[in-house]
Structure formats: C-alpha cells, structure tokens
Amino acid sequence: MENAMELEKWVSIRVVAEHLCVSRSFVNKAVQKGEVPVHRVGRNLRFRLTEIDAWIEGSESVPA
C-alpha cells in the first residue's frame, strides 16, 4: 500500500486560500514570510493540504 502523502495531489495558492477561507494575498504574504509550508516547482508554488492543516493546527490560537 502506498503512502497517503504520495497520493495526495499538489494544489495551487487559490485552492489553499479557499480551503482556509482567506484571500490569496494572505497566503502570498505567509509564503513570503516563510510561515507556510510550500514547495516550488519552477516558478510555481504548490502546496499539500495535509501540510497546510498541520501548519494551522500547530500555530498558536488567538482569542476571538
């Protein structure tokens, strides 16, 4: 049986923004600050949603 990470599709910044219900500019800024897990494929940015979810769960929560 193959590893689930190997089967997971790479997604674009648009998909990450939709997944997190934030703007693409928010994700771009997080990428520029080195805060979000990202992989470069040539000039393109690609993400794995499992890494994004782990990043969110690992970040500190802020009181509402």
C-alpha atoms as a PDB file:
ATOM      1  CA  MET A   1       0.000   0.000   0.000  1.00  0.00           C
ATOM      2  CA  GLU A   2       1.358   3.405  -0.959  1.00  0.00           C
ATOM      3  CA  ASN A   3       1.864   6.242   1.468  1.00  0.00           C
ATOM      4  CA  ALA A   4      -1.119   8.638   1.584  1.00  0.00           C
ATOM      5  CA  MET A   5       1.255  11.612   1.112  1.00  0.00           C
ATOM      6  CA  GLU A   6       2.379  10.153  -2.222  1.00  0.00           C
ATOM      7  CA  LEU A   7      -1.236  10.001  -3.421  1.00  0.00           C
ATOM      8  CA  GLU A   8      -2.166  13.499  -2.311  1.00  0.00           C
ATOM      9  CA  LYS A   9      -2.448  15.994  -5.133  1.00  0.00           C
ATOM     10  CA  TRP A  10      -0.485  19.214  -5.231  1.00  0.00           C
ATOM     11  CA  VAL A  11      -2.705  22.291  -5.097  1.00  0.00           C
ATOM     12  CA  SER A  12      -2.360  25.936  -6.063  1.00  0.00           C
ATOM     13  CA  ILE A  13      -2.449  29.038  -3.915  1.00  0.00           C
ATOM     14  CA  ARG A  14      -6.085  29.566  -4.961  1.00  0.00           C
ATOM     15  CA  VAL A  15      -7.104  26.197  -3.537  1.00  0.00           C
ATOM     16  CA  VAL A  16      -5.207  26.871  -0.282  1.00  0.00           C
ATOM     17  CA  ALA A  17      -6.932  30.256   0.083  1.00  0.00           C
ATOM     18  CA  GLU A  18     -10.342  28.667  -0.495  1.00  0.00           C
ATOM     19  CA  HIS A  19      -9.534  25.836   1.934  1.00  0.00           C
ATOM     20  CA  LEU A  20      -8.632  28.345   4.668  1.00  0.00           C
ATOM     21  CA  CYS A  21     -11.357  30.858   3.720  1.00  0.00           C
ATOM     22  CA  VAL A  22      -8.778  33.625   3.341  1.00  0.00           C
ATOM     23  CA  SER A  23      -7.581  35.774   0.457  1.00  0.00           C
ATOM     24  CA  ARG A  24      -4.820  34.745  -1.909  1.00  0.00           C
ATOM     25  CA  SER A  25      -2.842  37.788  -0.772  1.00  0.00           C
ATOM     26  CA  PHE A  26      -2.915  36.446   2.815  1.00  0.00           C
ATOM     27  CA  VAL A  27      -1.414  33.162   1.634  1.00  0.00           C
ATOM     28  CA  ASN A  28       1.148  35.007  -0.523  1.00  0.00           C
ATOM     29  CA  LYS A  29       2.255  37.078   2.474  1.00  0.00           C
ATOM     30  CA  ALA A  30       2.578  33.951   4.630  1.00  0.00           C
ATOM     31  CA  VAL A  31       4.708  32.355   1.890  1.00  0.00           C
ATOM     32  CA  GLN A  32       6.946  35.441   1.672  1.00  0.00           C
ATOM     33  CA  LYS A  33       7.442  35.389   5.456  1.00  0.00           C
ATOM     34  CA  GLY A  34       8.314  31.688   5.318  1.00  0.00           C
ATOM     35  CA  GLU A  35       5.424  30.835   7.632  1.00  0.00           C
ATOM     36  CA  VAL A  36       3.540  28.367   5.473  1.00  0.00           C
ATOM     37  CA  PRO A  37       4.793  25.025   4.082  1.00  0.00           C
ATOM     38  CA  VAL A  38       5.269  25.487   0.336  1.00  0.00           C
ATOM     39  CA  HIS A  39       7.123  23.752  -2.468  1.00  0.00           C
ATOM     40  CA  ARG A  40       8.410  25.494  -5.559  1.00  0.00           C
ATOM     41  CA  VAL A  41       8.040  23.772  -8.892  1.00  0.00           C
ATOM     42  CA  GLY A  42       9.890  26.033 -11.275  1.00  0.00           C
ATOM     43  CA  ARG A  43       8.259  29.424 -10.768  1.00  0.00           C
ATOM     44  CA  ASN A  44       5.048  27.913  -9.411  1.00  0.00           C
ATOM     45  CA  LEU A  45       4.091  27.474  -5.777  1.00  0.00           C
ATOM     46  CA  ARG A  46       2.486  24.173  -4.840  1.00  0.00           C
ATOM     47  CA  PHE A  47       1.009  23.026  -1.562  1.00  0.00           C
ATOM     48  CA  ARG A  48      -0.293  19.885   0.112  1.00  0.00           C
ATOM     49  CA  LEU A  49      -3.442  20.439   2.127  1.00  0.00           C
ATOM     50  CA  THR A  50      -2.322  17.983   4.819  1.00  0.00           C
ATOM     51  CA  GLU A  51       0.763  20.162   5.396  1.00  0.00           C
ATOM     52  CA  ILE A  52      -1.401  23.296   5.458  1.00  0.00           C
ATOM     53  CA  ASP A  53      -3.763  21.739   8.005  1.00  0.00           C
ATOM     54  CA  ALA A  54      -0.830  20.630  10.182  1.00  0.00           C
ATOM     55  CA  TRP A  55       0.625  24.158   9.966  1.00  0.00           C
ATOM     56  CA  ILE A  56      -2.691  25.676  11.090  1.00  0.00           C
ATOM     57  CA  GLU A  57      -3.120  23.177  13.928  1.00  0.00           C
ATOM     58  CA  GLY A  58       0.461  23.797  15.075  1.00  0.00           C
ATOM     59  CA  SER A  59       0.143  27.577  15.157  1.00  0.00           C
ATOM     60  CA  GLU A  60      -0.892  29.393  18.292  1.00  0.00           C
ATOM     61  CA  SER A  61      -4.568  30.195  18.627  1.00  0.00           C
ATOM     62  CA  VAL A  62      -5.580  33.776  19.295  1.00  0.00           C
ATOM     63  CA  PRO A  63      -8.571  34.675  21.462  1.00  0.00           C
ATOM     64  CA  ALA A  64     -11.521  35.858  19.394  1.00  0.00           C
END
